[in-house]
Amino acid sequence: MEKLKSIQKIVLTGPESSGKTTLAQELSKQLDCPLVPEFARPYLNWLGRGYVYQDLYSILVGQTAWEHWYLQHSSKPIVVCDTDWTVINVWEKFGYGSNEVTQGFQCNPDTYYLLCSPDIPWKADPLREHPVDRDALYDLYYQLLQTSGASFTILQGSLENRIAASLAALQ
């Protein structure tokens, strides 16, 4: 996997219920590298209330801190991230019409993105909010990655297809 030599982070991104967590866990196993979990889930569960705009900053700081910690403390040169700042950027644009919280963040050349398509069935979850807006959200993720010059691959279909496409993209 030649491409893996030039990157530090593989990031799963995309709309809700598009298979990010399952795929991140599987890739972490197959590539034998640490998984940086999604910070927002435990944070929002800890809050015990719905999130407000100011919480986006806390989630961004927490996610970024986890990424740095895993990179610094891992014996492996690469980590798989179950989301990153791109999720906050899209939620901020979609929910609040702003990008103030993520202003200054950019896609780095040492990061490879796997953009998960919402072409799989919605799975309800207390933290998920927009089952009918997944295509619109996907378009925002695509635009963000495209305009920022990020290296990325679009993942579609079954878990097996997504794993195969991910591994092929990283070669």
Protein backbone atom coordinates (compact mmCIF):
# COMPACT_ATOMS: atom_id res chain seq x y z
CA MET A 1 0.00 0.00 0.00
CA GLU A 2 2.22 2.68 -1.38
CA LYS A 3 -0.15 5.58 -0.64
CA LEU A 4 -0.10 4.73 3.07
CA LYS A 5 3.56 5.78 3.20
CA SER A 6 2.63 9.39 2.45
CA ILE A 7 -0.33 9.86 4.80
CA GLN A 8 -0.84 9.99 8.56
CA LYS A 9 -4.63 9.97 8.76
CA ILE A 10 -7.38 8.14 6.95
CA VAL A 11 -10.62 9.97 7.70
CA LEU A 12 -14.13 8.61 7.23
CA THR A 13 -16.53 11.44 6.56
CA GLY A 14 -20.03 11.87 5.20
CA PRO A 15 -23.63 12.27 6.31
CA GLU A 16 -25.33 10.52 9.19
CA SER A 17 -25.95 6.81 8.93
CA SER A 18 -23.65 6.33 5.95
CA GLY A 19 -21.50 3.61 7.50
CA LYS A 20 -18.58 5.70 8.76
CA THR A 21 -18.12 4.06 12.15
CA THR A 22 -18.49 0.49 10.94
CA LEU A 23 -16.08 1.10 8.09
CA ALA A 24 -13.58 2.94 10.31
CA GLN A 25 -13.55 0.01 12.74
CA GLU A 26 -13.04 -2.51 9.94
CA LEU A 27 -10.27 -0.53 8.26
CA SER A 28 -8.51 -0.06 11.58
CA LYS A 29 -8.48 -3.84 12.01
CA GLN A 30 -7.42 -4.62 8.46
CA LEU A 31 -4.66 -2.00 8.42
CA ASP A 32 -3.60 -2.83 11.98
CA CYS A 33 -3.61 0.78 13.12
CA PRO A 34 -5.39 2.76 15.84
CA LEU A 35 -8.93 4.01 15.48
CA VAL A 36 -9.61 7.58 16.58
CA PRO A 37 -13.27 7.45 17.64
CA GLU A 38 -15.84 10.13 17.01
CA PHE A 39 -15.67 12.65 19.86
CA ALA A 40 -19.18 14.05 19.32
CA ARG A 41 -21.06 10.92 20.42
CA PRO A 42 -19.71 10.62 23.97
CA TYR A 43 -19.69 14.40 24.32
CA LEU A 44 -23.35 14.73 23.34
CA ASN A 45 -24.34 11.80 25.56
CA TRP A 46 -22.47 13.46 28.43
CA LEU A 47 -24.26 16.78 27.83
CA GLY A 48 -27.64 15.22 28.47
CA ARG A 49 -29.32 17.86 26.31
CA GLY A 50 -29.51 18.86 22.69
CA TYR A 51 -26.46 20.62 21.37
CA VAL A 52 -26.27 24.34 20.71
CA TYR A 53 -24.00 26.29 18.38
CA GLN A 54 -21.33 26.82 21.06
CA ASP A 55 -21.01 23.04 21.50
CA LEU A 56 -19.64 22.75 17.96
CA TYR A 57 -16.43 24.42 19.13
CA SER A 58 -16.07 21.99 22.05
CA ILE A 59 -16.62 19.03 19.72
CA LEU A 60 -14.07 20.39 17.26
CA VAL A 61 -11.46 20.89 19.99
CA GLY A 62 -12.13 17.43 21.43
CA GLN A 63 -11.96 15.64 18.07
CA THR A 64 -8.74 17.43 17.13
CA ALA A 65 -7.18 16.67 20.52
CA TRP A 66 -8.01 12.97 20.17
CA GLU A 67 -6.45 12.88 16.70
CA HIS A 68 -3.24 14.47 17.98
CA TRP A 69 -3.12 12.19 21.02
CA TYR A 70 -3.51 9.03 18.94
CA LEU A 71 -0.88 10.18 16.45
CA GLN A 72 1.60 11.00 19.24
CA HIS A 73 1.03 7.87 21.31
CA SER A 74 0.71 5.23 18.63
CA SER A 75 3.54 2.99 17.58
CA LYS A 76 1.96 2.99 14.12
CA PRO A 77 2.62 5.78 11.60
CA ILE A 78 -1.05 6.09 10.59
CA VAL A 79 -4.46 6.31 12.26
CA VAL A 80 -8.01 5.82 11.03
CA CYS A 81 -10.36 8.61 12.15
CA ASP A 82 -14.09 8.15 12.54
CA THR A 83 -14.77 11.74 11.36
CA ASP A 84 -12.82 14.97 11.77
CA TRP A 85 -13.35 18.73 11.43
CA THR A 86 -15.20 18.27 8.13
CA VAL A 87 -18.24 16.99 10.01
CA ILE A 88 -18.36 20.12 12.17
CA ASN A 89 -17.92 22.28 9.08
CA VAL A 90 -20.87 20.68 7.30
CA TRP A 91 -23.10 20.70 10.38
CA GLU A 92 -22.25 24.33 11.02
CA LYS A 93 -23.11 25.29 7.42
CA PHE A 94 -26.23 23.13 7.29
CA GLY A 95 -27.63 23.92 10.72
CA TYR A 96 -26.45 27.47 11.29
CA GLY A 97 -25.48 28.90 7.90
CA SER A 98 -22.00 29.69 9.17
CA ASN A 99 -18.43 28.42 9.08
CA GLU A 100 -17.01 30.51 11.90
CA VAL A 101 -16.08 27.58 14.17
CA THR A 102 -14.08 25.75 11.49
CA GLN A 103 -12.63 28.85 9.84
CA GLY A 104 -8.93 28.30 9.26
CA PHE A 105 -9.19 24.52 9.17
CA GLN A 106 -8.10 22.92 5.93
CA CYS A 107 -7.48 19.51 4.46
CA ASN A 108 -3.84 18.50 4.83
CA PRO A 109 -1.82 16.56 2.27
CA ASP A 110 -1.06 13.91 4.91
CA THR A 111 -4.78 13.10 5.24
CA TYR A 112 -6.77 10.84 2.92
CA TYR A 113 -10.55 11.09 3.03
CA LEU A 114 -13.07 8.34 2.43
CA LEU A 115 -16.41 9.99 1.68
CA CYS A 116 -19.29 7.66 2.56
CA SER A 117 -22.33 7.88 0.32
CA PRO A 118 -25.78 7.72 1.95
CA ASP A 119 -26.84 4.89 -0.38
CA ILE A 120 -27.42 2.49 2.51
CA PRO A 121 -30.58 2.32 4.66
CA TRP A 122 -31.03 4.86 7.43
CA LYS A 123 -30.57 3.46 10.94
CA ALA A 124 -32.38 5.44 13.61
CA ASP A 125 -30.30 6.60 16.55
CA PRO A 126 -31.10 9.14 19.30
CA LEU A 127 -28.26 11.42 18.12
CA ARG A 128 -29.20 11.37 14.43
CA GLU A 129 -31.36 14.19 13.15
CA HIS A 130 -31.85 14.36 9.39
CA PRO A 131 -32.88 11.14 7.62
CA VAL A 132 -34.36 12.98 4.64
CA ASP A 133 -31.44 15.40 4.23
CA ARG A 134 -28.64 12.88 3.75
CA ASP A 135 -28.25 13.59 0.03
CA ALA A 136 -28.06 17.34 0.62
CA LEU A 137 -25.54 16.79 3.41
CA TYR A 138 -23.52 14.46 1.19
CA ASP A 139 -23.35 17.22 -1.43
CA LEU A 140 -21.92 19.61 1.19
CA TYR A 141 -19.23 17.08 2.13
CA TYR A 142 -18.37 16.52 -1.51
CA GLN A 143 -18.15 20.27 -2.19
CA LEU A 144 -15.96 20.82 0.88
CA LEU A 145 -13.49 18.09 -0.09
CA GLN A 146 -13.49 19.13 -3.74
CA THR A 147 -12.93 22.85 -3.13
CA SER A 148 -10.30 22.27 -0.44
CA GLY A 149 -8.18 20.12 -2.74
CA ALA A 150 -8.41 17.09 -0.46
CA SER A 151 -7.41 13.65 -1.65
CA PHE A 152 -10.50 11.48 -1.37
CA THR A 153 -12.42 8.50 -2.65
CA ILE A 154 -16.20 8.14 -2.71
CA LEU A 155 -17.46 4.94 -1.12
CA GLN A 156 -20.74 3.37 -2.19
CA GLY A 157 -22.58 0.10 -1.84
CA SER A 158 -22.20 -2.69 0.67
CA LEU A 159 -19.66 -2.77 3.48
CA GLU A 160 -17.64 -5.29 1.49
CA ASN A 161 -17.61 -2.98 -1.56
CA ARG A 162 -16.61 -0.03 0.60
CA ILE A 163 -13.77 -1.94 2.24
CA ALA A 164 -12.48 -3.13 -1.13
CA ALA A 165 -12.70 0.40 -2.60
CA SER A 166 -10.95 1.86 0.46
CA LEU A 167 -8.08 -0.61 0.31
CA ALA A 168 -7.73 -0.14 -3.46
CA ALA A 169 -7.62 3.65 -3.05
CA LEU A 170 -4.86 3.38 -0.46
CA GLN A 171 -2.56 1.28 -2.65
